[in-house]
Amino acid sequence: MRHVPIAEFKDHLSELVAAVERGEEVVITRHGKPAVRLIPAQEPIEQRRRRAREALAQMARTRERMRSEGRTATIDEMIAWKNEGRR
């Protein structure tokens, strides 16, 4: 996380926005105190891909555990899992 005074932020806006787009977090300070935090509007593609791979691996582990227990998932269970964590 990079801390940047407002004056420096104004002078280097394009460069700092590019850093944020790459996934870096920038905190703009006023008189040495944090005033604003800039974060990417979207997760960088590599982070989204990593999260997708982790989710798929978790699904595979769950499937194998259920198979070893002789269980299968119902449609209602799958829908509930899909919606888990959604608002």
PDB file of N, CA and C in Angstrom:
ATOM      1  N   MET A   1       0.856  -1.161   0.000  1.00  0.00           N
ATOM      2  CA  MET A   1       0.000   0.000   0.000  1.00  0.00           C
ATOM      3  C   MET A   1       0.909   1.234   0.000  1.00  0.00           C
ATOM      4  N   ARG A   2       0.629   2.123  -0.916  1.00  0.00           N
ATOM      5  CA  ARG A   2       1.439   3.334  -1.060  1.00  0.00           C
ATOM      6  C   ARG A   2       0.677   4.528  -0.496  1.00  0.00           C
ATOM      7  N   HIS A   3       1.336   5.350   0.314  1.00  0.00           N
ATOM      8  CA  HIS A   3       0.755   6.585   0.853  1.00  0.00           C
ATOM      9  C   HIS A   3       1.310   7.757   0.054  1.00  0.00           C
ATOM     10  N   VAL A   4       0.404   8.609  -0.435  1.00  0.00           N
ATOM     11  CA  VAL A   4       0.800   9.707  -1.311  1.00  0.00           C
ATOM     12  C   VAL A   4       0.108  10.997  -0.855  1.00  0.00           C
ATOM     13  N   PRO A   5       0.875  12.076  -0.661  1.00  0.00           N
ATOM     14  CA  PRO A   5       0.249  13.372  -0.335  1.00  0.00           C
ATOM     15  C   PRO A   5      -0.593  13.868  -1.511  1.00  0.00           C
ATOM     16  N   ILE A   6      -1.601  14.666  -1.224  1.00  0.00           N
ATOM     17  CA  ILE A   6      -2.505  15.169  -2.265  1.00  0.00           C
ATOM     18  C   ILE A   6      -1.738  15.868  -3.380  1.00  0.00           C
ATOM     19  N   ALA A   7      -0.771  16.708  -3.054  1.00  0.00           N
ATOM     20  CA  ALA A   7      -0.021  17.436  -4.083  1.00  0.00           C
ATOM     21  C   ALA A   7       0.695  16.475  -5.025  1.00  0.00           C
ATOM     22  N   GLU A   8       1.292  15.442  -4.457  1.00  0.00           N
ATOM     23  CA  GLU A   8       1.979  14.445  -5.290  1.00  0.00           C
ATOM     24  C   GLU A   8       0.974  13.672  -6.131  1.00  0.00           C
ATOM     25  N   PHE A   9      -0.182  13.374  -5.548  1.00  0.00           N
ATOM     26  CA  PHE A   9      -1.218  12.659  -6.289  1.00  0.00           C
ATOM     27  C   PHE A   9      -1.624  13.452  -7.527  1.00  0.00           C
ATOM     28  N   LYS A  10      -1.839  14.747  -7.360  1.00  0.00           N
ATOM     29  CA  LYS A  10      -2.243  15.590  -8.491  1.00  0.00           C
ATOM     30  C   LYS A  10      -1.161  15.604  -9.570  1.00  0.00           C
ATOM     31  N   ASP A  11       0.103  15.619  -9.155  1.00  0.00           N
ATOM     32  CA  ASP A  11       1.210  15.671 -10.112  1.00  0.00           C
ATOM     33  C   ASP A  11       1.421  14.344 -10.847  1.00  0.00           C
ATOM     34  N   HIS A  12       1.014  13.228 -10.232  1.00  0.00           N
ATOM     35  CA  HIS A  12       1.287  11.900 -10.794  1.00  0.00           C
ATOM     36  C   HIS A  12       0.014  11.075 -10.964  1.00  0.00           C
ATOM     37  N   LEU A  13      -1.076  11.732 -11.249  1.00  0.00           N
ATOM     38  CA  LEU A  13      -2.377  11.072 -11.323  1.00  0.00           C
ATOM     39  C   LEU A  13      -2.378   9.855 -12.243  1.00  0.00           C
ATOM     40  N   SER A  14      -1.944  10.016 -13.489  1.00  0.00           N
ATOM     41  CA  SER A  14      -1.983   8.910 -14.453  1.00  0.00           C
ATOM     42  C   SER A  14      -1.165   7.714 -13.976  1.00  0.00           C
ATOM     43  N   GLU A  15       0.010   7.976 -13.463  1.00  0.00           N
ATOM     44  CA  GLU A  15       0.894   6.912 -12.982  1.00  0.00           C
ATOM     45  C   GLU A  15       0.263   6.173 -11.799  1.00  0.00           C
ATOM     46  N   LEU A  16      -0.341   6.906 -10.881  1.00  0.00           N
ATOM     47  CA  LEU A  16      -0.949   6.279  -9.706  1.00  0.00           C
ATOM     48  C   LEU A  16      -2.208   5.506 -10.074  1.00  0.00           C
ATOM     49  N   VAL A  17      -2.998   6.023 -11.002  1.00  0.00           N
ATOM     50  CA  VAL A  17      -4.182   5.290 -11.455  1.00  0.00           C
ATOM     51  C   VAL A  17      -3.754   3.989 -12.127  1.00  0.00           C
ATOM     52  N   ALA A  18      -2.690   4.009 -12.913  1.00  0.00           N
ATOM     53  CA  ALA A  18      -2.186   2.785 -13.548  1.00  0.00           C
ATOM     54  C   ALA A  18      -1.755   1.767 -12.492  1.00  0.00           C
ATOM     55  N   ALA A  19      -1.115   2.244 -11.422  1.00  0.00           N
ATOM     56  CA  ALA A  19      -0.704   1.342 -10.340  1.00  0.00           C
ATOM     57  C   ALA A  19      -1.918   0.704  -9.678  1.00  0.00           C
ATOM     58  N   VAL A  20      -2.959   1.491  -9.471  1.00  0.00           N
ATOM     59  CA  VAL A  20      -4.186   0.975  -8.859  1.00  0.00           C
ATOM     60  C   VAL A  20      -4.843  -0.046  -9.790  1.00  0.00           C
ATOM     61  N   GLU A  21      -4.844   0.214 -11.079  1.00  0.00           N
ATOM     62  CA  GLU A  21      -5.422  -0.734 -12.035  1.00  0.00           C
ATOM     63  C   GLU A  21      -4.677  -2.062 -12.021  1.00  0.00           C
ATOM     64  N   ARG A  22      -3.396  -2.035 -11.696  1.00  0.00           N
ATOM     65  CA  ARG A  22      -2.610  -3.276 -11.606  1.00  0.00           C
ATOM     66  C   ARG A  22      -2.859  -4.008 -10.289  1.00  0.00           C
ATOM     67  N   GLY A  23      -3.648  -3.405  -9.396  1.00  0.00           N
ATOM     68  CA  GLY A  23      -3.985  -4.075  -8.149  1.00  0.00           C
ATOM     69  C   GLY A  23      -3.382  -3.449  -6.910  1.00  0.00           C
ATOM     70  N   GLU A  24      -2.549  -2.432  -7.078  1.00  0.00           N
ATOM     71  CA  GLU A  24      -1.949  -1.772  -5.925  1.00  0.00           C
ATOM     72  C   GLU A  24      -2.977  -0.857  -5.255  1.00  0.00           C
ATOM     73  N   GLU A  25      -2.865  -0.713  -3.957  1.00  0.00           N
ATOM     74  CA  GLU A  25      -3.745   0.183  -3.218  1.00  0.00           C
ATOM     75  C   GLU A  25      -2.983   1.460  -2.925  1.00  0.00           C
ATOM     76  N   VAL A  26      -3.612   2.614  -3.153  1.00  0.00           N
ATOM     77  CA  VAL A  26      -2.978   3.910  -2.916  1.00  0.00           C
ATOM     78  C   VAL A  26      -3.825   4.679  -1.911  1.00  0.00           C
ATOM     79  N   VAL A  27      -3.171   5.183  -0.871  1.00  0.00           N
ATOM     80  CA  VAL A  27      -3.847   6.007   0.125  1.00  0.00           C
ATOM     81  C   VAL A  27      -3.372   7.441  -0.070  1.00  0.00           C
ATOM     82  N   ILE A  28      -4.317   8.340  -0.287  1.00  0.00           N
ATOM     83  CA  ILE A  28      -3.996   9.752  -0.445  1.00  0.00           C
ATOM     84  C   ILE A  28      -4.084  10.392   0.932  1.00  0.00           C
ATOM     85  N   THR A  29      -3.035  11.124   1.281  1.00  0.00           N
ATOM     86  CA  THR A  29      -2.991  11.730   2.612  1.00  0.00           C
ATOM     87  C   THR A  29      -3.150  13.243   2.521  1.00  0.00           C
ATOM     88  N   ARG A  30      -3.693  13.797   3.586  1.00  0.00           N
ATOM     89  CA  ARG A  30      -3.819  15.243   3.727  1.00  0.00           C
ATOM     90  C   ARG A  30      -3.185  15.587   5.068  1.00  0.00           C
ATOM     91  N   HIS A  31      -2.162  16.420   5.041  1.00  0.00           N
ATOM     92  CA  HIS A  31      -1.419  16.791   6.247  1.00  0.00           C
ATOM     93  C   HIS A  31      -0.909  15.548   6.988  1.00  0.00           C
ATOM     94  N   GLY A  32      -0.489  14.535   6.209  1.00  0.00           N
ATOM     95  CA  GLY A  32       0.098  13.332   6.792  1.00  0.00           C
ATOM     96  C   GLY A  32      -0.897  12.308   7.310  1.00  0.00           C
ATOM     97  N   LYS A  33      -2.201  12.580   7.178  1.00  0.00           N
ATOM     98  CA  LYS A  33      -3.218  11.647   7.663  1.00  0.00           C
ATOM     99  C   LYS A  33      -3.999  11.082   6.478  1.00  0.00           C
ATOM    100  N   PRO A  34      -4.319   9.788   6.512  1.00  0.00           N
ATOM    101  CA  PRO A  34      -5.074   9.179   5.408  1.00  0.00           C
ATOM    102  C   PRO A  34      -6.399   9.902   5.186  1.00  0.00           C
ATOM    103  N   ALA A  35      -6.676  10.241   3.925  1.00  0.00           N
ATOM    104  CA  ALA A  35      -7.926  10.921   3.582  1.00  0.00           C
ATOM    105  C   ALA A  35      -8.777  10.064   2.643  1.00  0.00           C
ATOM    106  N   VAL A  36      -8.127   9.432   1.671  1.00  0.00           N
ATOM    107  CA  VAL A  36      -8.845   8.666   0.650  1.00  0.00           C
ATOM    108  C   VAL A  36      -8.036   7.422   0.316  1.00  0.00           C
ATOM    109  N   ARG A  37      -8.748   6.320   0.076  1.00  0.00           N
ATOM    110  CA  ARG A  37      -8.089   5.087  -0.339  1.00  0.00           C
ATOM    111  C   ARG A  37      -8.568   4.744  -1.737  1.00  0.00           C
ATOM    112  N   LEU A  38      -7.634   4.556  -2.665  1.00  0.00           N
ATOM    113  CA  LEU A  38      -7.976   4.170  -4.036  1.00  0.00           C
ATOM    114  C   LEU A  38      -7.746   2.677  -4.200  1.00  0.00           C
ATOM    115  N   ILE A  39      -8.759   2.004  -4.693  1.00  0.00           N
ATOM    116  CA  ILE A  39      -8.658   0.572  -4.974  1.00  0.00           C
ATOM    117  C   ILE A  39      -9.189   0.347  -6.375  1.00  0.00           C
ATOM    118  N   PRO A  40      -8.812  -0.755  -7.024  1.00  0.00           N
ATOM    119  CA  PRO A  40      -9.301  -1.005  -8.380  1.00  0.00           C
ATOM    120  C   PRO A  40     -10.821  -1.163  -8.398  1.00  0.00           C
ATOM    121  N   ALA A  41     -11.449  -0.686  -9.470  1.00  0.00           N
ATOM    122  CA  ALA A  41     -12.893  -0.851  -9.623  1.00  0.00           C
ATOM    123  C   ALA A  41     -13.222  -2.324  -9.799  1.00  0.00           C
ATOM    124  N   GLN A  42     -12.303  -3.063 -10.404  1.00  0.00           N
ATOM    125  CA  GLN A  42     -12.455  -4.502 -10.610  1.00  0.00           C
ATOM    126  C   GLN A  42     -11.185  -5.187 -10.147  1.00  0.00           C
ATOM    127  N   GLU A  43     -11.319  -6.429  -9.691  1.00  0.00           N
ATOM    128  CA  GLU A  43     -10.139  -7.199  -9.339  1.00  0.00           C
ATOM    129  C   GLU A  43      -9.302  -7.404 -10.597  1.00  0.00           C
ATOM    130  N   PRO A  44      -7.977  -7.346 -10.486  1.00  0.00           N
ATOM    131  CA  PRO A  44      -7.150  -7.678 -11.642  1.00  0.00           C
ATOM    132  C   PRO A  44      -7.456  -9.091 -12.126  1.00  0.00           C
ATOM    133  N   ILE A  45      -7.333  -9.315 -13.424  1.00  0.00           N
ATOM    134  CA  ILE A  45      -7.709 -10.595 -14.041  1.00  0.00           C
ATOM    135  C   ILE A  45      -7.010 -11.781 -13.384  1.00  0.00           C
ATOM    136  N   GLU A  46      -5.756 -11.632 -13.006  1.00  0.00           N
ATOM    137  CA  GLU A  46      -5.050 -12.758 -12.386  1.00  0.00           C
ATOM    138  C   GLU A  46      -5.663 -13.125 -11.038  1.00  0.00           C
ATOM    139  N   GLN A  47      -6.109 -12.132 -10.280  1.00  0.00           N
ATOM    140  CA  GLN A  47      -6.758 -12.429  -9.001  1.00  0.00           C
ATOM    141  C   GLN A  47      -8.091 -13.134  -9.231  1.00  0.00           C
ATOM    142  N   ARG A  48      -8.846 -12.695 -10.248  1.00  0.00           N
ATOM    143  CA  ARG A  48     -10.121 -13.356 -10.550  1.00  0.00           C
ATOM    144  C   ARG A  48      -9.882 -14.786 -10.982  1.00  0.00           C
ATOM    145  N   ARG A  49      -8.856 -15.001 -11.815  1.00  0.00           N
ATOM    146  CA  ARG A  49      -8.543 -16.374 -12.256  1.00  0.00           C
ATOM    147  C   ARG A  49      -8.131 -17.248 -11.082  1.00  0.00           C
ATOM    148  N   ARG A  50      -7.309 -16.693 -10.167  1.00  0.00           N
ATOM    149  CA  ARG A  50      -6.868 -17.465  -9.004  1.00  0.00           C
ATOM    150  C   ARG A  50      -8.059 -17.857  -8.141  1.00  0.00           C
ATOM    151  N   ARG A  51      -8.981 -16.900  -7.923  1.00  0.00           N
ATOM    152  CA  ARG A  51     -10.168 -17.215  -7.120  1.00  0.00           C
ATOM    153  C   ARG A  51     -11.024 -18.278  -7.798  1.00  0.00           C
ATOM    154  N   ALA A  52     -11.137 -18.226  -9.122  1.00  0.00           N
ATOM    155  CA  ALA A  52     -11.915 -19.228  -9.858  1.00  0.00           C
ATOM    156  C   ALA A  52     -11.259 -20.600  -9.729  1.00  0.00           C
ATOM    157  N   ARG A  53      -9.917 -20.660  -9.863  1.00  0.00           N
ATOM    158  CA  ARG A  53      -9.223 -21.953  -9.719  1.00  0.00           C
ATOM    159  C   ARG A  53      -9.420 -22.517  -8.316  1.00  0.00           C
ATOM    160  N   GLU A  54      -9.339 -21.642  -7.299  1.00  0.00           N
ATOM    161  CA  GLU A  54      -9.541 -22.094  -5.914  1.00  0.00           C
ATOM    162  C   GLU A  54     -10.958 -22.621  -5.713  1.00  0.00           C
ATOM    163  N   ALA A  55     -11.944 -21.952  -6.296  1.00  0.00           N
ATOM    164  CA  ALA A  55     -13.334 -22.401  -6.163  1.00  0.00           C
ATOM    165  C   ALA A  55     -13.529 -23.759  -6.839  1.00  0.00           C
ATOM    166  N   LEU A  56     -12.939 -23.932  -8.019  1.00  0.00           N
ATOM    167  CA  LEU A  56     -13.058 -25.217  -8.714  1.00  0.00           C
ATOM    168  C   LEU A  56     -12.375 -26.330  -7.929  1.00  0.00           C
ATOM    169  N   ALA A  57     -11.220 -26.041  -7.351  1.00  0.00           N
ATOM    170  CA  ALA A  57     -10.522 -27.048  -6.550  1.00  0.00           C
ATOM    171  C   ALA A  57     -11.350 -27.423  -5.327  1.00  0.00           C
ATOM    172  N   GLN A  58     -11.975 -26.434  -4.691  1.00  0.00           N
ATOM    173  CA  GLN A  58     -12.831 -26.709  -3.529  1.00  0.00           C
ATOM    174  C   GLN A  58     -14.018 -27.579  -3.929  1.00  0.00           C
ATOM    175  N   MET A  59     -14.602 -27.284  -5.087  1.00  0.00           N
ATOM    176  CA  MET A  59     -15.731 -28.098  -5.572  1.00  0.00           C
ATOM    177  C   MET A  59     -15.292 -29.536  -5.804  1.00  0.00           C
ATOM    178  N   ALA A  60     -14.109 -29.725  -6.383  1.00  0.00           N
ATOM    179  CA  ALA A  60     -13.605 -31.080  -6.639  1.00  0.00           C
ATOM    180  C   ALA A  60     -13.367 -31.816  -5.324  1.00  0.00           C
ATOM    181  N   ARG A  61     -12.803 -31.135  -4.325  1.00  0.00           N
ATOM    182  CA  ARG A  61     -12.591 -31.775  -3.018  1.00  0.00           C
ATOM    183  C   ARG A  61     -13.918 -32.174  -2.378  1.00  0.00           C
ATOM    184  N   THR A  62     -14.898 -31.291  -2.470  1.00  0.00           N
ATOM    185  CA  THR A  62     -16.218 -31.591  -1.907  1.00  0.00           C
ATOM    186  C   THR A  62     -16.837 -32.791  -2.616  1.00  0.00           C
ATOM    187  N   ARG A  63     -16.731 -32.823  -3.935  1.00  0.00           N
ATOM    188  CA  ARG A  63     -17.282 -33.943  -4.707  1.00  0.00           C
ATOM    189  C   ARG A  63     -16.618 -35.256  -4.300  1.00  0.00           C
ATOM    190  N   GLU A  64     -15.295 -35.241  -4.176  1.00  0.00           N
ATOM    191  CA  GLU A  64     -14.581 -36.466  -3.789  1.00  0.00           C
ATOM    192  C   GLU A  64     -14.953 -36.903  -2.372  1.00  0.00           C
ATOM    193  N   ARG A  65     -15.083 -35.934  -1.454  1.00  0.00           N
ATOM    194  CA  ARG A  65     -15.467 -36.282  -0.079  1.00  0.00           C
ATOM    195  C   ARG A  65     -16.855 -36.906  -0.060  1.00  0.00           C
ATOM    196  N   MET A  66     -17.777 -36.306  -0.809  1.00  0.00           N
ATOM    197  CA  MET A  66     -19.138 -36.838  -0.845  1.00  0.00           C
ATOM    198  C   MET A  66     -19.160 -38.233  -1.464  1.00  0.00           C
ATOM    199  N   ARG A  67     -18.387 -38.432  -2.524  1.00  0.00           N
ATOM    200  CA  ARG A  67     -18.323 -39.766  -3.151  1.00  0.00           C
ATOM    201  C   ARG A  67     -17.796 -40.805  -2.176  1.00  0.00           C
ATOM    202  N   SER A  68     -16.755 -40.425  -1.419  1.00  0.00           N
ATOM    203  CA  SER A  68     -16.172 -41.371  -0.467  1.00  0.00           C
ATOM    204  C   SER A  68     -17.161 -41.725   0.640  1.00  0.00           C
ATOM    205  N   GLU A  69     -18.112 -40.818   0.915  1.00  0.00           N
ATOM    206  CA  GLU A  69     -19.140 -41.070   1.923  1.00  0.00           C
ATOM    207  C   GLU A  69     -20.360 -41.743   1.320  1.00  0.00           C
ATOM    208  N   GLY A  70     -20.325 -41.974   0.006  1.00  0.00           N
ATOM    209  CA  GLY A  70     -21.449 -42.614  -0.664  1.00  0.00           C
ATOM    210  C   GLY A  70     -22.646 -41.694  -0.855  1.00  0.00           C
ATOM    211  N   ARG A  71     -22.394 -40.378  -0.859  1.00  0.00           N
ATOM    212  CA  ARG A  71     -23.480 -39.405  -0.991  1.00  0.00           C
ATOM    213  C   ARG A  71     -23.440 -38.741  -2.357  1.00  0.00           C
ATOM    214  N   THR A  72     -24.581 -38.218  -2.750  1.00  0.00           N
ATOM    215  CA  THR A  72     -24.668 -37.361  -3.929  1.00  0.00           C
ATOM    216  C   THR A  72     -25.407 -36.100  -3.518  1.00  0.00           C
ATOM    217  N   ALA A  73     -25.223 -35.063  -4.283  1.00  0.00           N
ATOM    218  CA  ALA A  73     -25.874 -33.793  -3.961  1.00  0.00           C
ATOM    219  C   ALA A  73     -27.199 -33.698  -4.695  1.00  0.00           C
ATOM    220  N   THR A  74     -28.184 -33.129  -4.018  1.00  0.00           N
ATOM    221  CA  THR A  74     -29.470 -32.880  -4.671  1.00  0.00           C
ATOM    222  C   THR A  74     -29.401 -31.561  -5.431  1.00  0.00           C
ATOM    223  N   ILE A  75     -30.352 -31.347  -6.322  1.00  0.00           N
ATOM    224  CA  ILE A  75     -30.422 -30.087  -7.058  1.00  0.00           C
ATOM    225  C   ILE A  75     -30.557 -28.920  -6.079  1.00  0.00           C
ATOM    226  N   ASP A  76     -31.391 -29.074  -5.064  1.00  0.00           N
ATOM    227  CA  ASP A  76     -31.575 -27.991  -4.078  1.00  0.00           C
ATOM    228  C   ASP A  76     -30.262 -27.669  -3.354  1.00  0.00           C
ATOM    229  N   GLU A  77     -29.473 -28.696  -3.014  1.00  0.00           N
ATOM    230  CA  GLU A  77     -28.183 -28.448  -2.365  1.00  0.00           C
ATOM    231  C   GLU A  77     -27.244 -27.681  -3.301  1.00  0.00           C
ATOM    232  N   MET A  78     -27.210 -28.075  -4.563  1.00  0.00           N
ATOM    233  CA  MET A  78     -26.333 -27.404  -5.524  1.00  0.00           C
ATOM    234  C   MET A  78     -26.731 -25.944  -5.709  1.00  0.00           C
ATOM    235  N   ILE A  79     -28.029 -25.673  -5.767  1.00  0.00           N
ATOM    236  CA  ILE A  79     -28.500 -24.290  -5.901  1.00  0.00           C
ATOM    237  C   ILE A  79     -28.134 -23.489  -4.656  1.00  0.00           C
ATOM    238  N   ALA A  80     -28.287 -24.084  -3.485  1.00  0.00           N
ATOM    239  CA  ALA A  80     -27.932 -23.397  -2.244  1.00  0.00           C
ATOM    240  C   ALA A  80     -26.438 -23.088  -2.214  1.00  0.00           C
ATOM    241  N   TRP A  81     -25.590 -24.028  -2.645  1.00  0.00           N
ATOM    242  CA  TRP A  81     -24.150 -23.803  -2.676  1.00  0.00           C
ATOM    243  C   TRP A  81     -23.819 -22.673  -3.655  1.00  0.00           C
ATOM    244  N   LYS A  82     -24.480 -22.675  -4.813  1.00  0.00           N
ATOM    245  CA  LYS A  82     -24.237 -21.653  -5.830  1.00  0.00           C
ATOM    246  C   LYS A  82     -24.550 -20.264  -5.280  1.00  0.00           C
ATOM    247  N   ASN A  83     -25.621 -20.175  -4.518  1.00  0.00           N
ATOM    248  CA  ASN A  83     -26.066 -18.890  -3.997  1.00  0.00           C
ATOM    249  C   ASN A  83     -25.405 -18.492  -2.685  1.00  0.00           C
ATOM    250  N   GLU A  84     -24.643 -19.408  -2.110  1.00  0.00           N
ATOM    251  CA  GLU A  84     -23.997 -19.129  -0.837  1.00  0.00           C
ATOM    252  C   GLU A  84     -23.058 -17.924  -0.961  1.00  0.00           C
ATOM    253  N   GLY A  85     -23.194 -17.000  -0.059  1.00  0.00           N
ATOM    254  CA  GLY A  85     -22.335 -15.823  -0.063  1.00  0.00           C
ATOM    255  C   GLY A  85     -22.822 -14.688  -0.953  1.00  0.00           C
ATOM    256  N   ARG A  86     -23.892 -14.919  -1.686  1.00  0.00           N
ATOM    257  CA  ARG A  86     -24.447 -13.845  -2.506  1.00  0.00           C
ATOM    258  C   ARG A  86     -25.351 -12.981  -1.655  1.00  0.00           C
ATOM    259  N   ARG A  87     -25.519 -11.761  -2.071  1.00  0.00           N
ATOM    260  CA  ARG A  87     -26.377 -10.837  -1.319  1.00  0.00           C
ATOM    261  C   ARG A  87     -27.823 -11.061  -1.676  1.00  0.00           C
TER     262      ARG A  87
END
